[in-house]
């Protein structure tokens, strides 16, 4: 529910006009709060994207490391038993 819907519901529940509800509200303050909320949401989304990237990076790095380890063990066993 956005700010406008909340304001309309408040107006209906209190039996006031919109002018009566908003006459003492600093519109710039409301805009600033909305902007800061958008910034927080943007930061939250960026953090989630970074977490996802790191997770996949670690999965891929682990898989590559595991393959390298298996290959090293394979060649080591071949060297030991071929001699």
PDB file of N, CA and C in Angstrom:
ATOM      1  N   UNK A   1       0.859  -1.167   0.000  1.00  0.00           N
ATOM      2  CA  UNK A   1       0.000   0.000   0.000  1.00  0.00           C
ATOM      3  C   UNK A   1       0.908   1.233   0.000  1.00  0.00           C
ATOM      4  N   UNK A   2       0.714   2.120  -0.976  1.00  0.00           N
ATOM      5  CA  UNK A   2       1.563   3.304  -1.044  1.00  0.00           C
ATOM      6  C   UNK A   2       1.000   4.436  -0.176  1.00  0.00           C
ATOM      7  N   UNK A   3       1.732   5.531  -0.153  1.00  0.00           N
ATOM      8  CA  UNK A   3       1.381   6.661   0.702  1.00  0.00           C
ATOM      9  C   UNK A   3      -0.001   7.216   0.364  1.00  0.00           C
ATOM     10  N   UNK A   4      -0.305   7.329  -0.922  1.00  0.00           N
ATOM     11  CA  UNK A   4      -1.603   7.884  -1.332  1.00  0.00           C
ATOM     12  C   UNK A   4      -2.769   7.025  -0.848  1.00  0.00           C
ATOM     13  N   UNK A   5      -2.616   5.706  -0.975  1.00  0.00           N
ATOM     14  CA  UNK A   5      -3.682   4.808  -0.518  1.00  0.00           C
ATOM     15  C   UNK A   5      -3.859   4.894   0.996  1.00  0.00           C
ATOM     16  N   UNK A   6      -2.743   4.985   1.722  1.00  0.00           N
ATOM     17  CA  UNK A   6      -2.826   5.121   3.170  1.00  0.00           C
ATOM     18  C   UNK A   6      -3.526   6.427   3.543  1.00  0.00           C
ATOM     19  N   UNK A   7      -3.212   7.489   2.820  1.00  0.00           N
ATOM     20  CA  UNK A   7      -3.819   8.789   3.089  1.00  0.00           C
ATOM     21  C   UNK A   7      -5.320   8.754   2.830  1.00  0.00           C
ATOM     22  N   UNK A   8      -5.719   8.119   1.755  1.00  0.00           N
ATOM     23  CA  UNK A   8      -7.152   8.023   1.428  1.00  0.00           C
ATOM     24  C   UNK A   8      -7.883   7.189   2.476  1.00  0.00           C
ATOM     25  N   UNK A   9      -7.267   6.076   2.899  1.00  0.00           N
ATOM     26  CA  UNK A   9      -7.897   5.247   3.941  1.00  0.00           C
ATOM     27  C   UNK A   9      -8.015   6.006   5.258  1.00  0.00           C
ATOM     28  N   UNK A  10      -6.986   6.772   5.597  1.00  0.00           N
ATOM     29  CA  UNK A  10      -7.022   7.577   6.813  1.00  0.00           C
ATOM     30  C   UNK A  10      -8.127   8.633   6.721  1.00  0.00           C
ATOM     31  N   UNK A  11      -8.236   9.265   5.556  1.00  0.00           N
ATOM     32  CA  UNK A  11      -9.272  10.279   5.353  1.00  0.00           C
ATOM     33  C   UNK A  11     -10.656   9.678   5.547  1.00  0.00           C
ATOM     34  N   UNK A  12     -10.859   8.484   4.971  1.00  0.00           N
ATOM     35  CA  UNK A  12     -12.163   7.835   5.084  1.00  0.00           C
ATOM     36  C   UNK A  12     -12.466   7.449   6.532  1.00  0.00           C
ATOM     37  N   UNK A  13     -11.460   6.926   7.222  1.00  0.00           N
ATOM     38  CA  UNK A  13     -11.707   6.450   8.590  1.00  0.00           C
ATOM     39  C   UNK A  13     -11.933   7.599   9.571  1.00  0.00           C
ATOM     40  N   UNK A  14     -11.327   8.752   9.326  1.00  0.00           N
ATOM     41  CA  UNK A  14     -11.464   9.891  10.247  1.00  0.00           C
ATOM     42  C   UNK A  14     -12.555  10.874   9.825  1.00  0.00           C
ATOM     43  N   UNK A  15     -13.067  10.704   8.610  1.00  0.00           N
ATOM     44  CA  UNK A  15     -14.113  11.610   8.142  1.00  0.00           C
ATOM     45  C   UNK A  15     -13.593  13.015   7.857  1.00  0.00           C
ATOM     46  N   UNK A  16     -12.352  13.125   7.405  1.00  0.00           N
ATOM     47  CA  UNK A  16     -11.741  14.427   7.118  1.00  0.00           C
ATOM     48  C   UNK A  16     -11.532  14.580   5.626  1.00  0.00           C
ATOM     49  N   UNK A  17     -11.326  15.820   5.198  1.00  0.00           N
ATOM     50  CA  UNK A  17     -10.960  16.053   3.806  1.00  0.00           C
ATOM     51  C   UNK A  17      -9.457  15.883   3.671  1.00  0.00           C
ATOM     52  N   UNK A  18      -8.999  15.710   2.438  1.00  0.00           N
ATOM     53  CA  UNK A  18      -7.564  15.593   2.214  1.00  0.00           C
ATOM     54  C   UNK A  18      -6.835  16.873   2.609  1.00  0.00           C
ATOM     55  N   UNK A  19      -7.460  18.020   2.369  1.00  0.00           N
ATOM     56  CA  UNK A  19      -6.851  19.297   2.760  1.00  0.00           C
ATOM     57  C   UNK A  19      -6.626  19.356   4.263  1.00  0.00           C
ATOM     58  N   UNK A  20      -7.594  18.890   5.038  1.00  0.00           N
ATOM     59  CA  UNK A  20      -7.456  18.891   6.498  1.00  0.00           C
ATOM     60  C   UNK A  20      -6.334  17.951   6.947  1.00  0.00           C
ATOM     61  N   UNK A  21      -6.168  16.839   6.237  1.00  0.00           N
ATOM     62  CA  UNK A  21      -5.138  15.874   6.612  1.00  0.00           C
ATOM     63  C   UNK A  21      -3.722  16.372   6.311  1.00  0.00           C
ATOM     64  N   UNK A  22      -3.563  17.056   5.174  1.00  0.00           N
ATOM     65  CA  UNK A  22      -2.212  17.394   4.721  1.00  0.00           C
ATOM     66  C   UNK A  22      -1.803  18.837   4.980  1.00  0.00           C
ATOM     67  N   UNK A  23      -2.630  19.631   5.631  1.00  0.00           N
ATOM     68  CA  UNK A  23      -2.301  21.052   5.764  1.00  0.00           C
ATOM     69  C   UNK A  23      -1.035  21.286   6.591  1.00  0.00           C
ATOM     70  N   UNK A  24      -0.706  20.406   7.520  1.00  0.00           N
ATOM     71  CA  UNK A  24       0.486  20.593   8.333  1.00  0.00           C
ATOM     72  C   UNK A  24       1.629  19.655   7.941  1.00  0.00           C
ATOM     73  N   UNK A  25       1.488  18.959   6.827  1.00  0.00           N
ATOM     74  CA  UNK A  25       2.527  18.022   6.397  1.00  0.00           C
ATOM     75  C   UNK A  25       3.523  18.752   5.507  1.00  0.00           C
ATOM     76  N   UNK A  26       4.808  18.567   5.819  1.00  0.00           N
ATOM     77  CA  UNK A  26       5.878  19.108   4.999  1.00  0.00           C
ATOM     78  C   UNK A  26       6.102  18.152   3.834  1.00  0.00           C
ATOM     79  N   UNK A  27       5.702  18.565   2.637  1.00  0.00           N
ATOM     80  CA  UNK A  27       5.757  17.703   1.465  1.00  0.00           C
ATOM     81  C   UNK A  27       7.202  17.306   1.159  1.00  0.00           C
ATOM     82  N   UNK A  28       8.139  18.226   1.335  1.00  0.00           N
ATOM     83  CA  UNK A  28       9.542  17.917   1.065  1.00  0.00           C
ATOM     84  C   UNK A  28      10.047  16.820   2.001  1.00  0.00           C
ATOM     85  N   UNK A  29       9.597  16.839   3.232  1.00  0.00           N
ATOM     86  CA  UNK A  29       9.993  15.802   4.193  1.00  0.00           C
ATOM     87  C   UNK A  29       9.484  14.432   3.737  1.00  0.00           C
ATOM     88  N   UNK A  30       8.255  14.384   3.239  1.00  0.00           N
ATOM     89  CA  UNK A  30       7.689  13.124   2.732  1.00  0.00           C
ATOM     90  C   UNK A  30       8.487  12.649   1.529  1.00  0.00           C
ATOM     91  N   UNK A  31       8.839  13.574   0.630  1.00  0.00           N
ATOM     92  CA  UNK A  31       9.638  13.206  -0.548  1.00  0.00           C
ATOM     93  C   UNK A  31      11.005  12.668  -0.126  1.00  0.00           C
ATOM     94  N   UNK A  32      11.626  13.329   0.846  1.00  0.00           N
ATOM     95  CA  UNK A  32      12.937  12.882   1.323  1.00  0.00           C
ATOM     96  C   UNK A  32      12.857  11.476   1.907  1.00  0.00           C
ATOM     97  N   UNK A  33      11.791  11.188   2.658  1.00  0.00           N
ATOM     98  CA  UNK A  33      11.621   9.854   3.231  1.00  0.00           C
ATOM     99  C   UNK A  33      11.442   8.823   2.132  1.00  0.00           C
ATOM    100  N   UNK A  34      10.690   9.173   1.093  1.00  0.00           N
ATOM    101  CA  UNK A  34      10.497   8.240  -0.018  1.00  0.00           C
ATOM    102  C   UNK A  34      11.814   7.986  -0.745  1.00  0.00           C
ATOM    103  N   UNK A  35      12.613   9.035  -0.930  1.00  0.00           N
ATOM    104  CA  UNK A  35      13.895   8.887  -1.613  1.00  0.00           C
ATOM    105  C   UNK A  35      14.833   8.018  -0.784  1.00  0.00           C
ATOM    106  N   UNK A  36      14.886   8.264   0.536  1.00  0.00           N
ATOM    107  CA  UNK A  36      15.772   7.456   1.371  1.00  0.00           C
ATOM    108  C   UNK A  36      15.308   6.002   1.395  1.00  0.00           C
ATOM    109  N   UNK A  37      14.010   5.772   1.342  1.00  0.00           N
ATOM    110  CA  UNK A  37      13.491   4.407   1.283  1.00  0.00           C
ATOM    111  C   UNK A  37      13.918   3.737  -0.019  1.00  0.00           C
ATOM    112  N   UNK A  38      13.870   4.477  -1.122  1.00  0.00           N
ATOM    113  CA  UNK A  38      14.300   3.934  -2.408  1.00  0.00           C
ATOM    114  C   UNK A  38      15.794   3.624  -2.387  1.00  0.00           C
ATOM    115  N   UNK A  39      16.580   4.472  -1.733  1.00  0.00           N
ATOM    116  CA  UNK A  39      18.022   4.230  -1.639  1.00  0.00           C
ATOM    117  C   UNK A  39      18.293   2.968  -0.826  1.00  0.00           C
ATOM    118  N   UNK A  40      17.571   2.792   0.267  1.00  0.00           N
ATOM    119  CA  UNK A  40      17.744   1.593   1.096  1.00  0.00           C
ATOM    120  C   UNK A  40      17.379   0.353   0.291  1.00  0.00           C
ATOM    121  N   UNK A  41      16.292   0.408  -0.458  1.00  0.00           N
ATOM    122  CA  UNK A  41      15.898  -0.734  -1.289  1.00  0.00           C
ATOM    123  C   UNK A  41      16.956  -1.027  -2.347  1.00  0.00           C
ATOM    124  N   UNK A  42      17.529   0.028  -2.931  1.00  0.00           N
ATOM    125  CA  UNK A  42      18.572  -0.145  -3.932  1.00  0.00           C
ATOM    126  C   UNK A  42      19.808  -0.801  -3.325  1.00  0.00           C
ATOM    127  N   UNK A  43      20.204  -0.348  -2.136  1.00  0.00           N
ATOM    128  CA  UNK A  43      21.361  -0.944  -1.455  1.00  0.00           C
ATOM    129  C   UNK A  43      21.077  -2.403  -1.123  1.00  0.00           C
ATOM    130  N   UNK A  44      19.881  -2.687  -0.635  1.00  0.00           N
ATOM    131  CA  UNK A  44      19.488  -4.062  -0.299  1.00  0.00           C
ATOM    132  C   UNK A  44      19.569  -4.956  -1.537  1.00  0.00           C
ATOM    133  N   UNK A  45      19.088  -4.461  -2.678  1.00  0.00           N
ATOM    134  CA  UNK A  45      19.145  -5.235  -3.923  1.00  0.00           C
ATOM    135  C   UNK A  45      20.588  -5.454  -4.358  1.00  0.00           C
ATOM    136  N   UNK A  46      21.437  -4.419  -4.219  1.00  0.00           N
ATOM    137  CA  UNK A  46      22.850  -4.554  -4.582  1.00  0.00           C
ATOM    138  C   UNK A  46      23.542  -5.593  -3.705  1.00  0.00           C
ATOM    139  N   UNK A  47      23.242  -5.606  -2.416  1.00  0.00           N
ATOM    140  CA  UNK A  47      23.844  -6.582  -1.508  1.00  0.00           C
ATOM    141  C   UNK A  47      23.399  -7.994  -1.884  1.00  0.00           C
ATOM    142  N   UNK A  48      22.135  -8.165  -2.213  1.00  0.00           N
ATOM    143  CA  UNK A  48      21.646  -9.491  -2.620  1.00  0.00           C
ATOM    144  C   UNK A  48      22.312  -9.953  -3.910  1.00  0.00           C
ATOM    145  N   UNK A  49      22.521  -9.035  -4.850  1.00  0.00           N
ATOM    146  CA  UNK A  49      23.205  -9.376  -6.097  1.00  0.00           C
ATOM    147  C   UNK A  49      24.644  -9.792  -5.816  1.00  0.00           C
ATOM    148  N   UNK A  50      25.328  -9.053  -4.943  1.00  0.00           N
ATOM    149  CA  UNK A  50      26.708  -9.384  -4.589  1.00  0.00           C
ATOM    150  C   UNK A  50      26.779 -10.743  -3.892  1.00  0.00           C
ATOM    151  N   UNK A  51      25.835 -11.016  -3.001  1.00  0.00           N
ATOM    152  CA  UNK A  51      25.818 -12.311  -2.305  1.00  0.00           C
ATOM    153  C   UNK A  51      25.637 -13.453  -3.298  1.00  0.00           C
ATOM    154  N   UNK A  52      24.764 -13.262  -4.260  1.00  0.00           N
ATOM    155  CA  UNK A  52      24.527 -14.290  -5.268  1.00  0.00           C
ATOM    156  C   UNK A  52      25.788 -14.507  -6.113  1.00  0.00           C
ATOM    157  N   UNK A  53      26.445 -13.422  -6.491  1.00  0.00           N
ATOM    158  CA  UNK A  53      27.670 -13.511  -7.289  1.00  0.00           C
ATOM    159  C   UNK A  53      28.753 -14.249  -6.510  1.00  0.00           C
ATOM    160  N   UNK A  54      28.930 -13.912  -5.251  1.00  0.00           N
ATOM    161  CA  UNK A  54      29.952 -14.553  -4.423  1.00  0.00           C
ATOM    162  C   UNK A  54      29.640 -16.038  -4.246  1.00  0.00           C
ATOM    163  N   UNK A  55      28.360 -16.350  -4.041  1.00  0.00           N
ATOM    164  CA  UNK A  55      27.967 -17.756  -3.878  1.00  0.00           C
ATOM    165  C   UNK A  55      28.344 -18.565  -5.111  1.00  0.00           C
ATOM    166  N   UNK A  56      28.005 -18.068  -6.296  1.00  0.00           N
ATOM    167  CA  UNK A  56      28.317 -18.803  -7.527  1.00  0.00           C
ATOM    168  C   UNK A  56      29.816 -18.838  -7.785  1.00  0.00           C
ATOM    169  N   UNK A  57      30.520 -17.764  -7.426  1.00  0.00           N
ATOM    170  CA  UNK A  57      31.969 -17.734  -7.581  1.00  0.00           C
ATOM    171  C   UNK A  57      32.603 -18.828  -6.723  1.00  0.00           C
ATOM    172  N   UNK A  58      32.158 -18.950  -5.481  1.00  0.00           N
ATOM    173  CA  UNK A  58      32.698 -19.974  -4.588  1.00  0.00           C
ATOM    174  C   UNK A  58      32.355 -21.381  -5.071  1.00  0.00           C
ATOM    175  N   UNK A  59      31.158 -21.578  -5.595  1.00  0.00           N
ATOM    176  CA  UNK A  59      30.774 -22.895  -6.121  1.00  0.00           C
ATOM    177  C   UNK A  59      31.663 -23.268  -7.307  1.00  0.00           C
ATOM    178  N   UNK A  60      31.856 -22.342  -8.218  1.00  0.00           N
ATOM    179  CA  UNK A  60      32.681 -22.615  -9.404  1.00  0.00           C
ATOM    180  C   UNK A  60      34.140 -22.817  -9.010  1.00  0.00           C
ATOM    181  N   UNK A  61      34.644 -21.944  -8.114  1.00  0.00           N
ATOM    182  CA  UNK A  61      36.036 -22.084  -7.665  1.00  0.00           C
ATOM    183  C   UNK A  61      36.233 -23.421  -6.947  1.00  0.00           C
ATOM    184  N   UNK A  62      35.273 -23.852  -6.144  1.00  0.00           N
ATOM    185  CA  UNK A  62      35.359 -25.139  -5.462  1.00  0.00           C
ATOM    186  C   UNK A  62      35.352 -26.294  -6.448  1.00  0.00           C
ATOM    187  N   UNK A  63      34.512 -26.201  -7.460  1.00  0.00           N
ATOM    188  CA  UNK A  63      34.444 -27.261  -8.464  1.00  0.00           C
ATOM    189  C   UNK A  63      35.762 -27.350  -9.235  1.00  0.00           C
ATOM    190  N   UNK A  64      36.296 -26.210  -9.634  1.00  0.00           N
ATOM    191  CA  UNK A  64      37.574 -26.205 -10.356  1.00  0.00           C
ATOM    192  C   UNK A  64      38.680 -26.735  -9.452  1.00  0.00           C
ATOM    193  N   UNK A  65      38.697 -26.305  -8.203  1.00  0.00           N
ATOM    194  CA  UNK A  65      39.700 -26.804  -7.259  1.00  0.00           C
ATOM    195  C   UNK A  65      39.587 -28.308  -7.063  1.00  0.00           C
ATOM    196  N   UNK A  66      38.375 -28.808  -6.978  1.00  0.00           N
ATOM    197  CA  UNK A  66      38.166 -30.252  -6.836  1.00  0.00           C
ATOM    198  C   UNK A  66      38.660 -31.021  -8.047  1.00  0.00           C
ATOM    199  N   UNK A  67      38.396 -30.502  -9.223  1.00  0.00           N
ATOM    200  CA  UNK A  67      38.864 -31.157 -10.455  1.00  0.00           C
ATOM    201  C   UNK A  67      40.385 -31.173 -10.508  1.00  0.00           C
ATOM    202  N   UNK A  68      41.016 -30.046 -10.169  1.00  0.00           N
ATOM    203  CA  UNK A  68      42.481 -29.975 -10.156  1.00  0.00           C
ATOM    204  C   UNK A  68      43.048 -30.970  -9.153  1.00  0.00           C
ATOM    205  N   UNK A  69      42.457 -31.060  -7.977  1.00  0.00           N
ATOM    206  CA  UNK A  69      42.920 -31.998  -6.962  1.00  0.00           C
ATOM    207  C   UNK A  69      42.796 -33.444  -7.439  1.00  0.00           C
ATOM    208  N   UNK A  70      41.690 -33.778  -8.071  1.00  0.00           N
ATOM    209  CA  UNK A  70      41.496 -35.128  -8.602  1.00  0.00           C
ATOM    210  C   UNK A  70      42.538 -35.432  -9.675  1.00  0.00           C
ATOM    211  N   UNK A  71      42.792 -34.477 -10.563  1.00  0.00           N
ATOM    212  CA  UNK A  71      43.797 -34.690 -11.607  1.00  0.00           C
ATOM    213  C   UNK A  71      45.192 -34.865 -11.017  1.00  0.00           C
ATOM    214  N   UNK A  72      45.512 -34.058 -10.009  1.00  0.00           N
ATOM    215  CA  UNK A  72      46.821 -34.199  -9.358  1.00  0.00           C
ATOM    216  C   UNK A  72      46.964 -35.571  -8.703  1.00  0.00           C
ATOM    217  N   UNK A  73      45.930 -36.007  -8.013  1.00  0.00           N
ATOM    218  CA  UNK A  73      45.969 -37.333  -7.398  1.00  0.00           C
ATOM    219  C   UNK A  73      46.078 -38.438  -8.451  1.00  0.00           C
ATOM    220  N   UNK A  74      45.384 -38.293  -9.548  1.00  0.00           N
ATOM    221  CA  UNK A  74      45.439 -39.268 -10.636  1.00  0.00           C
ATOM    222  C   UNK A  74      46.858 -39.380 -11.183  1.00  0.00           C
ATOM    223  N   UNK A  75      47.484 -38.234 -11.490  1.00  0.00           N
ATOM    224  CA  UNK A  75      48.838 -38.254 -12.020  1.00  0.00           C
ATOM    225  C   UNK A  75      49.840 -38.738 -10.978  1.00  0.00           C
ATOM    226  N   UNK A  76      49.644 -38.390  -9.725  1.00  0.00           N
ATOM    227  CA  UNK A  76      50.533 -38.854  -8.664  1.00  0.00           C
ATOM    228  C   UNK A  76      50.458 -40.371  -8.514  1.00  0.00           C
ATOM    229  N   UNK A  77      49.248 -40.915  -8.545  1.00  0.00           N
ATOM    230  CA  UNK A  77      49.079 -42.369  -8.446  1.00  0.00           C
ATOM    231  C   UNK A  77      49.705 -43.051  -9.652  1.00  0.00           C
ATOM    232  N   UNK A  78      49.538 -42.476 -10.842  1.00  0.00           N
ATOM    233  CA  UNK A  78      50.138 -43.057 -12.047  1.00  0.00           C
ATOM    234  C   UNK A  78      51.658 -43.039 -11.973  1.00  0.00           C
ATOM    235  N   UNK A  79      52.223 -41.950 -11.446  1.00  0.00           N
ATOM    236  CA  UNK A  79      53.675 -41.857 -11.329  1.00  0.00           C
ATOM    237  C   UNK A  79      54.194 -42.895 -10.336  1.00  0.00           C
ATOM    238  N   UNK A  80      53.524 -43.050  -9.224  1.00  0.00           N
ATOM    239  CA  UNK A  80      53.967 -43.985  -8.189  1.00  0.00           C
ATOM    240  C   UNK A  80      53.874 -45.431  -8.667  1.00  0.00           C
ATOM    241  N   UNK A  81      52.767 -45.800  -9.297  1.00  0.00           N
ATOM    242  CA  UNK A  81      52.576 -47.196  -9.669  1.00  0.00           C
ATOM    243  C   UNK A  81      53.211 -47.548 -11.009  1.00  0.00           C
ATOM    244  N   UNK A  82      53.522 -46.578 -11.849  1.00  0.00           N
ATOM    245  CA  UNK A  82      54.194 -46.868 -13.125  1.00  0.00           C
ATOM    246  C   UNK A  82      55.663 -47.145 -12.851  1.00  0.00           C
ATOM    247  N   UNK A  83      56.238 -46.497 -11.877  1.00  0.00           N
ATOM    248  CA  UNK A  83      57.660 -46.729 -11.560  1.00  0.00           C
ATOM    249  C   UNK A  83      57.742 -48.047 -10.988  1.00  0.00           C
TER     250      UNK A  83
END
